[in-house]
Structure formats: structure tokens, C-alpha cells
Amino acid sequence: MRLAREARGYTIEEIEEKLNIRSKYIVALEEEDFDALPGKAYVTGYVKNYARFLSLDAEAIAAEMKGKLDAVDAMAITTIELSPLPEEEAPSVSIEQGILAPKVSQSAKVAREERKRNRQSKRREKNVHANFGILYFMLALLLLMGLLAFIGTRNWGI
């Protein structure tokens, strides 16, 4: 597309002004710098408008660009970089007493202790609520016994 633009005597700034496509995208399209381009829908529209402006076959060029974008996307999916875990998070193993035993990292120990404290705290809360229930029951029973004792000591005149 650069060759067609230069053959017709247009500058990138003129194309930017006439088509309302930012100059960095025009340069990226001409150099096929796919990382500098926005999403596929925008790129397809830019390519078609740019090709029509240059009197080129817009559909063929857009299909070619779409194929290149799909190939770049497929390559990006298959080339995932794996970085090693930090040493404190990486699981390690040791042989103790003839048994292969995993060494638990410090962060795992801290997380386990935190879960244990949370469980203990919840148990204490349940016990407190249960103790209040028992206390209320005992108070009601004591009041009932006092009332029965009071009723029993009264001379009702019957």
C-alpha cells in the first residue's frame, strides 16, 4: 500500500487528513506492524478505506490483511511464555527417612495458620452464642421456680 500511495504522490499526513485515520495506524498498516494496530474490526475498516482511496481492490486487500492478523493471533496463542515461579512459591521436595516428602513453603504455612485461626474464631463465636442461650434458659427457669415458690407460699383463701 505504501508503493501505491507513493506512486500517487500522497504523504501520510494527507491520507490522515482525508481518511481520518491516525498516521501511526497508516504507518503500522504499511509496515504490517500488527502490535501497533487496534482491534480487527478497526483494521479491516482502515484497510478497506485506504485501499479504496488508492483505487485498489479493497476486498482482496482486506481479506489478505485478515489472514495475516489471524496468523498473528494464532501464533500469539501458541507461543505463551512461561516464567519460573519465585523460589519461595516453587514447590520443592526432599527425601526424609526414605520417603519423598514435599517441603511446604513458608507462604503455605502462613496461609494454613490463618485458616486455622479463622476456624477457631468462628468456633468461639458459636460457643459464645450457645452460652448465651444456656444462660437465658437458666434465668427463665430460675424465674419460673421463684414464681412457683411465691405462689406456693401464698394463702389463696380457697
C-alpha atoms as a PDB file:
ATOM      1  CA  MET A   1       0.000   0.000   0.000  1.00  0.00           C
ATOM      2  CA  ARG A   2       2.960   2.291   0.591  1.00  0.00           C
ATOM      3  CA  LEU A   3       4.076   1.842  -3.005  1.00  0.00           C
ATOM      4  CA  ALA A   4       0.606   2.738  -4.290  1.00  0.00           C
ATOM      5  CA  ARG A   5       0.475   5.801  -2.020  1.00  0.00           C
ATOM      6  CA  GLU A   6       3.921   6.982  -3.093  1.00  0.00           C
ATOM      7  CA  ALA A   7       3.124   6.316  -6.779  1.00  0.00           C
ATOM      8  CA  ARG A   8       0.079   8.585  -6.486  1.00  0.00           C
ATOM      9  CA  GLY A   9       2.138  11.232  -4.678  1.00  0.00           C
ATOM     10  CA  TYR A  10       0.297  11.243  -1.336  1.00  0.00           C
ATOM     11  CA  THR A  11       2.002  11.788   2.021  1.00  0.00           C
ATOM     12  CA  ILE A  12       0.953  10.059   5.211  1.00  0.00           C
ATOM     13  CA  GLU A  13      -0.325  13.385   6.558  1.00  0.00           C
ATOM     14  CA  GLU A  14      -2.596  13.840   3.515  1.00  0.00           C
ATOM     15  CA  ILE A  15      -4.021  10.338   3.920  1.00  0.00           C
ATOM     16  CA  GLU A  16      -4.573  11.016   7.624  1.00  0.00           C
ATOM     17  CA  GLU A  17      -6.467  14.207   6.850  1.00  0.00           C
ATOM     18  CA  LYS A  18      -8.603  12.778   4.019  1.00  0.00           C
ATOM     19  CA  LEU A  19      -9.494   9.428   5.624  1.00  0.00           C
ATOM     20  CA  ASN A  20      -9.469  10.374   9.344  1.00  0.00           C
ATOM     21  CA  ILE A  21      -7.085   7.546  10.112  1.00  0.00           C
ATOM     22  CA  ARG A  22      -4.303   8.372  12.537  1.00  0.00           C
ATOM     23  CA  SER A  23      -0.869   8.498  10.945  1.00  0.00           C
ATOM     24  CA  LYS A  24       0.546   5.900  13.346  1.00  0.00           C
ATOM     25  CA  TYR A  25      -2.073   3.419  12.091  1.00  0.00           C
ATOM     26  CA  ILE A  26      -1.300   4.214   8.460  1.00  0.00           C
ATOM     27  CA  VAL A  27       2.400   3.584   9.093  1.00  0.00           C
ATOM     28  CA  ALA A  28       1.547   0.392  11.021  1.00  0.00           C
ATOM     29  CA  LEU A  29      -0.633  -0.837   8.131  1.00  0.00           C
ATOM     30  CA  GLU A  30       2.079  -0.162   5.569  1.00  0.00           C
ATOM     31  CA  GLU A  31       4.765  -1.830   7.691  1.00  0.00           C
ATOM     32  CA  GLU A  32       2.421  -4.608   8.880  1.00  0.00           C
ATOM     33  CA  ASP A  33       3.202  -3.773  12.497  1.00  0.00           C
ATOM     34  CA  PHE A  34       0.227  -5.596  13.965  1.00  0.00           C
ATOM     35  CA  ASP A  35       1.086  -4.769  17.587  1.00  0.00           C
ATOM     36  CA  ALA A  36       0.561  -1.049  16.903  1.00  0.00           C
ATOM     37  CA  LEU A  37      -2.886  -1.573  15.363  1.00  0.00           C
ATOM     38  CA  PRO A  38      -6.229  -1.547  17.184  1.00  0.00           C
ATOM     39  CA  GLY A  39      -8.747  -4.415  17.013  1.00  0.00           C
ATOM     40  CA  LYS A  40      -9.536  -6.441  13.875  1.00  0.00           C
ATOM     41  CA  ALA A  41     -12.763  -4.582  13.119  1.00  0.00           C
ATOM     42  CA  TYR A  42     -10.963  -1.227  13.042  1.00  0.00           C
ATOM     43  CA  VAL A  43      -8.088  -2.613  10.992  1.00  0.00           C
ATOM     44  CA  THR A  44     -10.474  -4.108   8.433  1.00  0.00           C
ATOM     45  CA  GLY A  45     -12.263  -0.776   8.060  1.00  0.00           C
ATOM     46  CA  TYR A  46      -8.994   1.157   7.807  1.00  0.00           C
ATOM     47  CA  VAL A  47      -7.628  -1.216   5.155  1.00  0.00           C
ATOM     48  CA  LYS A  48     -10.787  -1.069   3.043  1.00  0.00           C
ATOM     49  CA  ASN A  49     -11.000   2.738   3.183  1.00  0.00           C
ATOM     50  CA  TYR A  50      -7.288   3.148   2.490  1.00  0.00           C
ATOM     51  CA  ALA A  51      -7.400   0.685  -0.441  1.00  0.00           C
ATOM     52  CA  ARG A  52     -10.492   2.348  -1.968  1.00  0.00           C
ATOM     53  CA  PHE A  53      -8.821   5.739  -1.652  1.00  0.00           C
ATOM     54  CA  LEU A  54      -5.790   4.396  -3.517  1.00  0.00           C
ATOM     55  CA  SER A  55      -8.071   2.754  -6.145  1.00  0.00           C
ATOM     56  CA  LEU A  56      -7.000  -0.765  -5.150  1.00  0.00           C
ATOM     57  CA  ASP A  57      -9.105  -3.927  -4.711  1.00  0.00           C
ATOM     58  CA  ALA A  58     -10.361  -3.238  -1.168  1.00  0.00           C
ATOM     59  CA  GLU A  59     -11.951  -6.666  -0.559  1.00  0.00           C
ATOM     60  CA  ALA A  60      -8.875  -8.626  -1.662  1.00  0.00           C
ATOM     61  CA  ILE A  61      -6.511  -6.498   0.413  1.00  0.00           C
ATOM     62  CA  ALA A  62      -8.830  -6.672   3.449  1.00  0.00           C
ATOM     63  CA  ALA A  63      -9.027 -10.486   3.135  1.00  0.00           C
ATOM     64  CA  GLU A  64      -5.238 -10.703   2.864  1.00  0.00           C
ATOM     65  CA  MET A  65      -4.799  -8.470   5.941  1.00  0.00           C
ATOM     66  CA  LYS A  66      -7.393 -10.512   7.872  1.00  0.00           C
ATOM     67  CA  GLY A  67      -5.456 -13.693   7.070  1.00  0.00           C
ATOM     68  CA  LYS A  68      -2.249 -12.115   8.348  1.00  0.00           C
ATOM     69  CA  LEU A  69      -3.978 -10.908  11.523  1.00  0.00           C
ATOM     70  CA  ASP A  70      -5.451 -14.377  12.127  1.00  0.00           C
ATOM     71  CA  ALA A  71      -1.994 -15.919  11.678  1.00  0.00           C
ATOM     72  CA  VAL A  72      -0.510 -13.465  14.186  1.00  0.00           C
ATOM     73  CA  ASP A  73      -3.314 -14.226  16.668  1.00  0.00           C
ATOM     74  CA  ALA A  74      -2.791 -17.979  16.275  1.00  0.00           C
ATOM     75  CA  MET A  75       0.932 -17.548  16.813  1.00  0.00           C
ATOM     76  CA  ALA A  76       0.311 -15.435  19.923  1.00  0.00           C
ATOM     77  CA  ILE A  77      -1.911 -18.148  21.373  1.00  0.00           C
ATOM     78  CA  THR A  78       0.594 -20.939  20.764  1.00  0.00           C
ATOM     79  CA  THR A  79       3.652 -19.042  21.984  1.00  0.00           C
ATOM     80  CA  ILE A  80       2.914 -18.483  25.643  1.00  0.00           C
ATOM     81  CA  GLU A  81       5.970 -17.567  27.623  1.00  0.00           C
ATOM     82  CA  LEU A  82       6.349 -19.417  30.891  1.00  0.00           C
ATOM     83  CA  SER A  83       8.315 -17.736  33.611  1.00  0.00           C
ATOM     84  CA  PRO A  84       9.652 -19.652  36.603  1.00  0.00           C
ATOM     85  CA  LEU A  85       7.948 -19.248  39.951  1.00  0.00           C
ATOM     86  CA  PRO A  86       9.759 -17.271  42.640  1.00  0.00           C
ATOM     87  CA  GLU A  87      11.798 -19.582  44.830  1.00  0.00           C
ATOM     88  CA  GLU A  88       9.582 -19.118  47.895  1.00  0.00           C
ATOM     89  CA  GLU A  89       6.478 -20.163  45.914  1.00  0.00           C
ATOM     90  CA  ALA A  90       8.002 -23.031  43.954  1.00  0.00           C
ATOM     91  CA  PRO A  91       7.294 -26.452  45.476  1.00  0.00           C
ATOM     92  CA  SER A  92      10.384 -28.376  46.469  1.00  0.00           C
ATOM     93  CA  VAL A  93      10.832 -31.923  47.685  1.00  0.00           C
ATOM     94  CA  SER A  94      13.264 -33.676  49.977  1.00  0.00           C
ATOM     95  CA  ILE A  95      13.933 -37.271  50.934  1.00  0.00           C
ATOM     96  CA  GLU A  96      13.426 -37.882  54.641  1.00  0.00           C
ATOM     97  CA  GLN A  97      13.550 -41.365  56.188  1.00  0.00           C
ATOM     98  CA  GLY A  98      13.325 -42.934  52.756  1.00  0.00           C
ATOM     99  CA  ILE A  99      10.054 -41.170  51.927  1.00  0.00           C
ATOM    100  CA  LEU A 100       9.712 -38.460  49.324  1.00  0.00           C
ATOM    101  CA  ALA A 101       8.039 -35.675  51.321  1.00  0.00           C
ATOM    102  CA  PRO A 102       7.139 -32.249  49.979  1.00  0.00           C
ATOM    103  CA  LYS A 103       8.598 -29.268  51.759  1.00  0.00           C
ATOM    104  CA  VAL A 104       5.857 -26.777  52.499  1.00  0.00           C
ATOM    105  CA  SER A 105       6.798 -23.235  51.617  1.00  0.00           C
ATOM    106  CA  GLN A 106       6.617 -20.503  54.221  1.00  0.00           C
ATOM    107  CA  SER A 107       3.680 -18.785  52.495  1.00  0.00           C
ATOM    108  CA  ALA A 108       1.692 -22.041  52.560  1.00  0.00           C
ATOM    109  CA  LYS A 109       2.365 -22.389  56.286  1.00  0.00           C
ATOM    110  CA  VAL A 110       1.198 -18.832  56.913  1.00  0.00           C
ATOM    111  CA  ALA A 111      -1.975 -19.408  54.887  1.00  0.00           C
ATOM    112  CA  ARG A 112      -2.701 -22.642  56.770  1.00  0.00           C
ATOM    113  CA  GLU A 113      -2.227 -20.912  60.134  1.00  0.00           C
ATOM    114  CA  GLU A 114      -4.545 -18.091  59.052  1.00  0.00           C
ATOM    115  CA  ARG A 115      -7.275 -20.569  58.085  1.00  0.00           C
ATOM    116  CA  LYS A 116      -6.819 -22.344  61.415  1.00  0.00           C
ATOM    117  CA  ARG A 117      -7.203 -19.056  63.345  1.00  0.00           C
ATOM    118  CA  ASN A 118     -10.337 -18.216  61.346  1.00  0.00           C
ATOM    119  CA  ARG A 119     -11.895 -21.604  62.160  1.00  0.00           C
ATOM    120  CA  GLN A 120     -11.056 -21.192  65.860  1.00  0.00           C
ATOM    121  CA  SER A 121     -12.553 -17.701  65.885  1.00  0.00           C
ATOM    122  CA  LYS A 122     -15.781 -18.956  64.314  1.00  0.00           C
ATOM    123  CA  ARG A 123     -15.986 -21.770  66.871  1.00  0.00           C
ATOM    124  CA  ARG A 124     -15.554 -19.269  69.712  1.00  0.00           C
ATOM    125  CA  GLU A 125     -18.353 -17.118  68.307  1.00  0.00           C
ATOM    126  CA  LYS A 126     -20.651 -20.142  68.122  1.00  0.00           C
ATOM    127  CA  ASN A 127     -19.755 -21.106  71.696  1.00  0.00           C
ATOM    128  CA  VAL A 128     -20.491 -17.597  72.934  1.00  0.00           C
ATOM    129  CA  HIS A 129     -23.920 -17.659  71.296  1.00  0.00           C
ATOM    130  CA  ALA A 130     -24.595 -21.133  72.701  1.00  0.00           C
ATOM    131  CA  ASN A 131     -23.525 -19.967  76.175  1.00  0.00           C
ATOM    132  CA  PHE A 132     -25.933 -17.033  75.999  1.00  0.00           C
ATOM    133  CA  GLY A 133     -28.724 -19.451  75.081  1.00  0.00           C
ATOM    134  CA  ILE A 134     -27.956 -21.596  78.098  1.00  0.00           C
ATOM    135  CA  LEU A 135     -27.776 -18.506  80.309  1.00  0.00           C
ATOM    136  CA  TYR A 136     -31.183 -17.274  79.142  1.00  0.00           C
ATOM    137  CA  PHE A 137     -32.685 -20.709  79.686  1.00  0.00           C
ATOM    138  CA  MET A 138     -31.276 -20.881  83.231  1.00  0.00           C
ATOM    139  CA  LEU A 139     -32.583 -17.388  84.007  1.00  0.00           C
ATOM    140  CA  ALA A 140     -36.062 -18.283  82.744  1.00  0.00           C
ATOM    141  CA  LEU A 141     -36.023 -21.498  84.787  1.00  0.00           C
ATOM    142  CA  LEU A 142     -34.949 -19.602  87.915  1.00  0.00           C
ATOM    143  CA  LEU A 143     -37.735 -17.045  87.440  1.00  0.00           C
ATOM    144  CA  LEU A 144     -40.278 -19.844  86.952  1.00  0.00           C
ATOM    145  CA  MET A 145     -39.109 -21.598  90.129  1.00  0.00           C
ATOM    146  CA  GLY A 146     -39.306 -18.323  92.057  1.00  0.00           C
ATOM    147  CA  LEU A 147     -42.813 -17.718  90.767  1.00  0.00           C
ATOM    148  CA  LEU A 148     -43.915 -21.235  91.736  1.00  0.00           C
ATOM    149  CA  ALA A 149     -42.387 -20.800  95.189  1.00  0.00           C
ATOM    150  CA  PHE A 150     -44.172 -17.482  95.594  1.00  0.00           C
ATOM    151  CA  ILE A 151     -47.467 -18.996  94.525  1.00  0.00           C
ATOM    152  CA  GLY A 152     -46.983 -21.938  96.885  1.00  0.00           C
ATOM    153  CA  THR A 153     -46.417 -19.742  99.937  1.00  0.00           C
ATOM    154  CA  ARG A 154     -49.480 -17.602  99.426  1.00  0.00           C
ATOM    155  CA  ASN A 155     -52.715 -18.274 101.182  1.00  0.00           C
ATOM    156  CA  TRP A 156     -55.229 -18.040  98.445  1.00  0.00           C
ATOM    157  CA  GLY A 157     -58.213 -18.388 100.738  1.00  0.00           C
ATOM    158  CA  ILE A 158     -59.698 -21.293  98.974  1.00  0.00           C
END
